[in-house]
Amino acid sequence: MTMSIRRGMLVLAAVSAMVAGPVMTGLALADNKHVAEAVEHAKEAVAHGKQGHADALVKHAEGALHHAEAAQKDVKNPHLDEGVKHLKEAVEHGKAGHADVATQHAEGAVTHLSEVK
């Protein structure tokens, strides 16, 4: 009888591990998807900023900021926090027409967001 209970508990533990692993990995990928989207938008912001297009830089920096802030809800990472700060600065300077300064902040955001694991 005891052997049967132990075997049942072992089977239950094995099945739980097989189910929990992919679920937890899926949650991590969902978080990383926001970070990946933020990086892509920030890179686009940099590209437009280097061309002097402050309005397009702002559009992509705001998109990056949206994704980075969504990732912050689930991920606690100092690089993510710094990336958000740089994106906010990029948006502010871009709206003021300072494409060069906004580009520097967008580049800083790319650097930090790329470090988020």
C-alpha atoms as a PDB file:
ATOM      1  CA  MET A   1       0.000   0.000   0.000  1.00  0.00           C
ATOM      2  CA  THR A   2       2.760   2.467   0.912  1.00  0.00           C
ATOM      3  CA  MET A   3       4.614   1.593  -2.266  1.00  0.00           C
ATOM      4  CA  SER A   4       1.499   2.403  -4.308  1.00  0.00           C
ATOM      5  CA  ILE A   5       1.125   5.815  -2.669  1.00  0.00           C
ATOM      6  CA  ARG A   6       4.797   6.658  -3.220  1.00  0.00           C
ATOM      7  CA  ARG A   7       4.566   5.617  -6.856  1.00  0.00           C
ATOM      8  CA  GLY A   8       1.446   7.758  -7.291  1.00  0.00           C
ATOM      9  CA  MET A   9       3.165  10.764  -5.743  1.00  0.00           C
ATOM     10  CA  LEU A  10       6.177  10.250  -7.990  1.00  0.00           C
ATOM     11  CA  VAL A  11       3.973  10.113 -11.095  1.00  0.00           C
ATOM     12  CA  LEU A  12       2.126  13.237  -9.965  1.00  0.00           C
ATOM     13  CA  ALA A  13       5.403  15.109  -9.417  1.00  0.00           C
ATOM     14  CA  ALA A  14       6.717  14.073 -12.842  1.00  0.00           C
ATOM     15  CA  VAL A  15       3.531  15.156 -14.619  1.00  0.00           C
ATOM     16  CA  SER A  16       3.508  18.467 -12.727  1.00  0.00           C
ATOM     17  CA  ALA A  17       7.098  19.165 -13.777  1.00  0.00           C
ATOM     18  CA  MET A  18       6.302  18.387 -17.414  1.00  0.00           C
ATOM     19  CA  VAL A  19       3.332  20.772 -17.381  1.00  0.00           C
ATOM     20  CA  ALA A  20       4.870  23.562 -15.270  1.00  0.00           C
ATOM     21  CA  GLY A  21       8.096  23.795 -17.296  1.00  0.00           C
ATOM     22  CA  PRO A  22       6.553  24.883 -20.599  1.00  0.00           C
ATOM     23  CA  VAL A  23       4.023  27.137 -18.867  1.00  0.00           C
ATOM     24  CA  MET A  24       6.748  28.998 -16.975  1.00  0.00           C
ATOM     25  CA  THR A  25       8.904  29.202 -20.111  1.00  0.00           C
ATOM     26  CA  GLY A  26       5.931  30.610 -22.008  1.00  0.00           C
ATOM     27  CA  LEU A  27       5.519  33.339 -19.400  1.00  0.00           C
ATOM     28  CA  ALA A  28       9.187  34.234 -19.679  1.00  0.00           C
ATOM     29  CA  LEU A  29       8.919  34.415 -23.465  1.00  0.00           C
ATOM     30  CA  ALA A  30       5.901  36.703 -23.177  1.00  0.00           C
ATOM     31  CA  ASP A  31       7.971  39.102 -21.063  1.00  0.00           C
ATOM     32  CA  ASN A  32      10.897  38.898 -23.451  1.00  0.00           C
ATOM     33  CA  LYS A  33       8.570  39.588 -26.360  1.00  0.00           C
ATOM     34  CA  HIS A  34       7.841  43.036 -24.946  1.00  0.00           C
ATOM     35  CA  VAL A  35      11.545  43.636 -24.427  1.00  0.00           C
ATOM     36  CA  ALA A  36      12.318  42.458 -27.957  1.00  0.00           C
ATOM     37  CA  GLU A  37       9.639  44.763 -29.382  1.00  0.00           C
ATOM     38  CA  ALA A  38      11.014  47.650 -27.324  1.00  0.00           C
ATOM     39  CA  VAL A  39      14.511  47.034 -28.693  1.00  0.00           C
ATOM     40  CA  GLU A  40      13.258  46.931 -32.289  1.00  0.00           C
ATOM     41  CA  HIS A  41      11.308  50.179 -31.913  1.00  0.00           C
ATOM     42  CA  ALA A  42      14.255  51.842 -30.176  1.00  0.00           C
ATOM     43  CA  LYS A  43      16.548  50.805 -33.044  1.00  0.00           C
ATOM     44  CA  GLU A  44      14.076  52.321 -35.505  1.00  0.00           C
ATOM     45  CA  ALA A  45      14.041  55.495 -33.421  1.00  0.00           C
ATOM     46  CA  VAL A  46      17.847  55.653 -33.642  1.00  0.00           C
ATOM     47  CA  ALA A  47      17.799  55.144 -37.406  1.00  0.00           C
ATOM     48  CA  HIS A  48      15.270  57.938 -37.922  1.00  0.00           C
ATOM     49  CA  GLY A  49      17.069  60.202 -35.489  1.00  0.00           C
ATOM     50  CA  LYS A  50      20.335  59.808 -37.395  1.00  0.00           C
ATOM     51  CA  GLN A  51      18.463  60.997 -40.483  1.00  0.00           C
ATOM     52  CA  GLY A  52      17.222  64.025 -38.544  1.00  0.00           C
ATOM     53  CA  HIS A  53      13.585  62.886 -38.501  1.00  0.00           C
ATOM     54  CA  ALA A  54      12.585  63.863 -34.971  1.00  0.00           C
ATOM     55  CA  ASP A  55       8.888  63.143 -35.570  1.00  0.00           C
ATOM     56  CA  ALA A  56       9.523  59.556 -36.679  1.00  0.00           C
ATOM     57  CA  LEU A  57      11.988  59.118 -33.827  1.00  0.00           C
ATOM     58  CA  VAL A  58       9.269  60.133 -31.363  1.00  0.00           C
ATOM     59  CA  LYS A  59       6.802  57.686 -32.895  1.00  0.00           C
ATOM     60  CA  HIS A  60       9.174  54.738 -32.517  1.00  0.00           C
ATOM     61  CA  ALA A  61      10.477  55.842 -29.118  1.00  0.00           C
ATOM     62  CA  GLU A  62       6.880  55.970 -27.857  1.00  0.00           C
ATOM     63  CA  GLY A  63       6.284  52.473 -29.243  1.00  0.00           C
ATOM     64  CA  ALA A  64       9.435  51.248 -27.516  1.00  0.00           C
ATOM     65  CA  LEU A  65       8.372  52.947 -24.302  1.00  0.00           C
ATOM     66  CA  HIS A  66       4.961  51.278 -24.442  1.00  0.00           C
ATOM     67  CA  HIS A  67       6.543  47.821 -24.707  1.00  0.00           C
ATOM     68  CA  ALA A  68       9.258  48.536 -22.145  1.00  0.00           C
ATOM     69  CA  GLU A  69       6.710  49.705 -19.582  1.00  0.00           C
ATOM     70  CA  ALA A  70       4.601  46.611 -20.250  1.00  0.00           C
ATOM     71  CA  ALA A  71       7.668  44.462 -19.602  1.00  0.00           C
ATOM     72  CA  GLN A  72       8.346  46.343 -16.338  1.00  0.00           C
ATOM     73  CA  LYS A  73       5.085  45.010 -14.920  1.00  0.00           C
ATOM     74  CA  ASP A  74       6.527  41.491 -14.863  1.00  0.00           C
ATOM     75  CA  VAL A  75      10.298  41.909 -15.036  1.00  0.00           C
ATOM     76  CA  LYS A  76      12.399  43.712 -12.463  1.00  0.00           C
ATOM     77  CA  ASN A  77      15.696  44.625 -14.089  1.00  0.00           C
ATOM     78  CA  PRO A  78      17.848  47.757 -13.674  1.00  0.00           C
ATOM     79  CA  HIS A  79      18.648  47.781 -17.401  1.00  0.00           C
ATOM     80  CA  LEU A  80      14.940  47.839 -18.184  1.00  0.00           C
ATOM     81  CA  ASP A  81      14.479  50.778 -15.815  1.00  0.00           C
ATOM     82  CA  GLU A  82      17.363  52.677 -17.420  1.00  0.00           C
ATOM     83  CA  GLY A  83      15.996  51.903 -20.874  1.00  0.00           C
ATOM     84  CA  VAL A  84      12.648  53.417 -19.898  1.00  0.00           C
ATOM     85  CA  LYS A  85      14.374  56.558 -18.598  1.00  0.00           C
ATOM     86  CA  HIS A  86      16.291  56.957 -21.861  1.00  0.00           C
ATOM     87  CA  LEU A  87      13.144  56.420 -23.914  1.00  0.00           C
ATOM     88  CA  LYS A  88      11.274  59.089 -21.966  1.00  0.00           C
ATOM     89  CA  GLU A  89      14.150  61.493 -22.587  1.00  0.00           C
ATOM     90  CA  ALA A  90      14.220  60.546 -26.277  1.00  0.00           C
ATOM     91  CA  VAL A  91      10.506  61.320 -26.586  1.00  0.00           C
ATOM     92  CA  GLU A  92      10.859  64.627 -24.735  1.00  0.00           C
ATOM     93  CA  HIS A  93      13.819  65.824 -26.812  1.00  0.00           C
ATOM     94  CA  GLY A  94      12.322  64.504 -30.030  1.00  0.00           C
ATOM     95  CA  LYS A  95       9.116  66.456 -29.452  1.00  0.00           C
ATOM     96  CA  ALA A  96      11.261  69.560 -28.909  1.00  0.00           C
ATOM     97  CA  GLY A  97      12.870  68.916 -32.303  1.00  0.00           C
ATOM     98  CA  HIS A  98      16.264  67.979 -30.860  1.00  0.00           C
ATOM     99  CA  ALA A  99      16.860  64.922 -33.031  1.00  0.00           C
ATOM    100  CA  ASP A 100      20.550  64.680 -32.105  1.00  0.00           C
ATOM    101  CA  VAL A 101      20.004  64.559 -28.335  1.00  0.00           C
ATOM    102  CA  ALA A 102      16.950  62.335 -28.739  1.00  0.00           C
ATOM    103  CA  THR A 103      19.034  59.947 -30.852  1.00  0.00           C
ATOM    104  CA  GLN A 104      21.660  59.701 -28.108  1.00  0.00           C
ATOM    105  CA  HIS A 105      18.965  58.759 -25.607  1.00  0.00           C
ATOM    106  CA  ALA A 106      17.435  56.241 -28.008  1.00  0.00           C
ATOM    107  CA  GLU A 107      20.889  54.685 -28.421  1.00  0.00           C
ATOM    108  CA  GLY A 108      21.199  54.492 -24.638  1.00  0.00           C
ATOM    109  CA  ALA A 109      17.835  52.770 -24.511  1.00  0.00           C
ATOM    110  CA  VAL A 110      18.953  50.210 -27.103  1.00  0.00           C
ATOM    111  CA  THR A 111      22.105  49.522 -25.093  1.00  0.00           C
ATOM    112  CA  HIS A 112      20.237  48.973 -21.837  1.00  0.00           C
ATOM    113  CA  LEU A 113      17.253  47.098 -23.240  1.00  0.00           C
ATOM    114  CA  SER A 114      19.576  44.735 -25.089  1.00  0.00           C
ATOM    115  CA  GLU A 115      21.023  43.738 -21.706  1.00  0.00           C
ATOM    116  CA  VAL A 116      17.668  42.665 -20.258  1.00  0.00           C
ATOM    117  CA  LYS A 117      17.583  38.888 -19.862  1.00  0.00           C
END
